[in-house]
Amino acid sequence: MTTFSNKELEYLKGQRLARLATVDTRCSPHVVPVGFRVSEDSSAIEVGGHNIAGSKKYRDLQANQRVAIVIDDLASLDPWTPRGLEVRGTAELHQSGGEKFGPGWDAAWIRIVPERVISWGIEAPPFTEGSRRARSVGRG
């Protein structure tokens, strides 16, 4: 089984902003907007940014690599047409190579390896049969 469906990949590649959820050593949650992209092999989500190695999210992930990221938007306000994707999984922290995200970005970056993927409003119109898709994915 592939990590993302073709429609999910098309949606993800058209988005640039996500919300990353982490927890610290006291299990206090932290959610922050981040820039992201789909990995070249389409199996993971990659997060990079400015001063990422010095950020709370990076410190949180050093202590607990469990992570969730949500990418969503409204295709339309009228009619109300929400769509999006949640990925739950494990974060792999990298100290180099983040320059690939763009000029001025830090060397450090995060790869999110999906274990559970939930999407809505992508495979079918929202609130219709087949609109919500949830599944576990393997570490291929």
Protein backbone atom coordinates (compact mmCIF):
# COMPACT_ATOMS: atom_id res chain seq x y z
CA MET A 1 0.00 0.00 0.00
CA THR A 2 1.29 3.46 -0.88
CA THR A 3 1.37 6.16 1.77
CA PHE A 4 -0.87 8.64 -0.05
CA SER A 5 -3.46 8.20 -2.79
CA ASN A 6 -3.00 10.05 -6.08
CA LYS A 7 -5.68 12.60 -5.10
CA GLU A 8 -4.05 13.12 -1.70
CA LEU A 9 -0.65 13.69 -3.33
CA GLU A 10 -2.15 16.17 -5.78
CA TYR A 11 -3.75 18.04 -2.86
CA LEU A 12 -0.57 17.99 -0.72
CA LYS A 13 1.62 19.23 -3.56
CA GLY A 14 -0.72 22.21 -3.97
CA GLN A 15 -0.44 23.26 -0.31
CA ARG A 16 2.40 25.04 1.49
CA LEU A 17 1.25 25.56 5.09
CA ALA A 18 0.51 22.98 7.78
CA ARG A 19 0.10 22.78 11.54
CA LEU A 20 2.55 20.58 13.44
CA ALA A 21 1.59 19.14 16.85
CA THR A 22 4.22 18.00 19.34
CA VAL A 23 4.37 17.40 23.10
CA ASP A 24 7.13 18.33 25.51
CA THR A 25 8.67 16.29 28.33
CA ARG A 26 5.68 17.11 30.57
CA CYS A 27 3.26 16.03 27.81
CA SER A 28 2.16 19.62 27.29
CA PRO A 29 0.90 20.03 23.69
CA HIS A 30 2.30 22.55 21.24
CA VAL A 31 0.86 23.35 17.80
CA VAL A 32 2.60 25.64 15.34
CA PRO A 33 2.24 26.53 11.65
CA VAL A 34 5.06 25.21 9.47
CA GLY A 35 6.11 25.05 5.86
CA PHE A 36 6.26 21.54 4.42
CA ARG A 37 6.60 19.47 1.31
CA VAL A 38 6.03 15.87 0.28
CA SER A 39 9.24 13.84 0.14
CA GLU A 40 10.68 13.00 -3.27
CA ASP A 41 9.58 9.38 -2.90
CA SER A 42 6.06 10.52 -1.82
CA SER A 43 6.24 8.44 1.35
CA ALA A 44 6.67 11.14 3.99
CA ILE A 45 6.17 14.79 4.91
CA GLU A 46 9.26 16.98 5.24
CA VAL A 47 9.33 20.13 7.38
CA GLY A 48 11.99 22.80 7.24
CA GLY A 49 12.37 26.40 8.26
CA HIS A 50 14.34 29.24 9.71
CA ASN A 51 16.06 28.43 13.04
CA ILE A 52 14.25 25.10 13.20
CA ALA A 53 17.00 23.44 15.27
CA GLY A 54 16.53 26.13 17.94
CA SER A 55 12.73 25.88 18.01
CA LYS A 56 10.43 24.43 20.66
CA LYS A 57 9.05 21.94 18.16
CA TYR A 58 12.54 20.57 17.49
CA ARG A 59 13.29 20.32 21.23
CA ASP A 60 9.95 18.59 21.77
CA LEU A 61 10.76 16.06 19.04
CA GLN A 62 14.17 15.35 20.56
CA ALA A 63 12.32 14.21 23.71
CA ASN A 64 9.29 12.56 22.05
CA GLN A 65 9.26 11.70 18.35
CA ARG A 66 5.49 11.11 18.17
CA VAL A 67 3.98 13.81 15.96
CA ALA A 68 0.86 14.86 14.08
CA ILE A 69 0.59 17.28 11.20
CA VAL A 70 -2.58 18.69 9.61
CA ILE A 71 -2.82 20.25 6.16
CA ASP A 72 -6.28 21.67 5.43
CA ASP A 73 -8.14 24.44 3.70
CA LEU A 74 -11.54 25.49 2.42
CA ALA A 75 -12.09 24.81 -1.26
CA SER A 76 -15.15 27.07 -1.03
CA LEU A 77 -17.04 29.11 1.56
CA ASP A 78 -20.38 28.75 -0.23
CA PRO A 79 -21.05 25.95 -0.29
CA TRP A 80 -18.92 25.13 2.78
CA THR A 81 -16.27 22.78 1.37
CA PRO A 82 -13.59 21.76 3.88
CA ARG A 83 -10.86 19.38 2.88
CA GLY A 84 -7.64 18.22 4.43
CA LEU A 85 -5.31 15.55 5.61
CA GLU A 86 -3.91 14.53 9.01
CA VAL A 87 -0.75 12.46 9.34
CA ARG A 88 0.20 10.82 12.62
CA GLY A 89 3.59 9.21 12.90
CA THR A 90 7.20 9.44 13.94
CA ALA A 91 9.57 12.33 13.38
CA GLU A 92 13.10 11.74 12.17
CA LEU A 93 15.35 14.69 12.97
CA HIS A 94 18.09 15.61 10.51
CA GLN A 95 20.98 17.98 11.19
CA SER A 96 21.92 18.63 7.56
CA GLY A 97 20.35 18.89 4.13
CA GLY A 98 17.56 21.34 4.97
CA GLU A 99 18.91 23.83 2.48
CA LYS A 100 16.87 21.91 -0.10
CA PHE A 101 13.78 23.71 1.23
CA GLY A 102 14.96 27.02 -0.15
CA PRO A 103 17.41 29.91 0.20
CA GLY A 104 18.09 30.97 3.78
CA TRP A 105 16.57 27.89 5.38
CA ASP A 106 18.46 26.02 8.08
CA ALA A 107 20.40 22.83 7.57
CA ALA A 108 18.24 21.04 10.17
CA TRP A 109 14.91 19.57 9.05
CA ILE A 110 12.26 17.02 10.06
CA ARG A 111 10.95 14.00 8.18
CA ILE A 112 7.55 12.73 9.34
CA VAL A 113 7.10 9.03 8.66
CA PRO A 114 3.35 8.34 8.51
CA GLU A 115 1.74 5.57 10.54
CA ARG A 116 -1.85 6.78 10.21
CA VAL A 117 -3.34 8.96 7.46
CA ILE A 118 -6.80 10.50 7.63
CA SER A 119 -8.19 12.62 4.80
CA TRP A 120 -11.51 14.34 4.22
CA GLY A 121 -13.02 16.10 1.24
CA ILE A 122 -10.23 14.97 -1.07
CA GLU A 123 -11.39 11.62 -2.48
CA ALA A 124 -15.02 12.78 -2.70
CA PRO A 125 -16.99 15.94 -1.89
CA PRO A 126 -17.21 16.60 1.87
CA PHE A 127 -20.08 15.09 3.83
CA THR A 128 -20.69 12.44 1.16
CA GLU A 129 -20.06 8.71 1.06
CA GLY A 130 -16.33 8.09 0.61
CA SER A 131 -15.31 11.60 1.65
CA ARG A 132 -13.48 10.49 4.80
CA ARG A 133 -10.61 8.05 4.36
CA ALA A 134 -8.62 6.71 7.34
CA ARG A 135 -5.99 4.00 7.28
CA SER A 136 -2.80 2.76 8.85
CA VAL A 137 0.29 2.72 6.68
CA GLY A 138 3.42 0.64 7.08
CA ARG A 139 7.00 1.68 7.38
CA GLY A 140 7.86 0.42 3.95
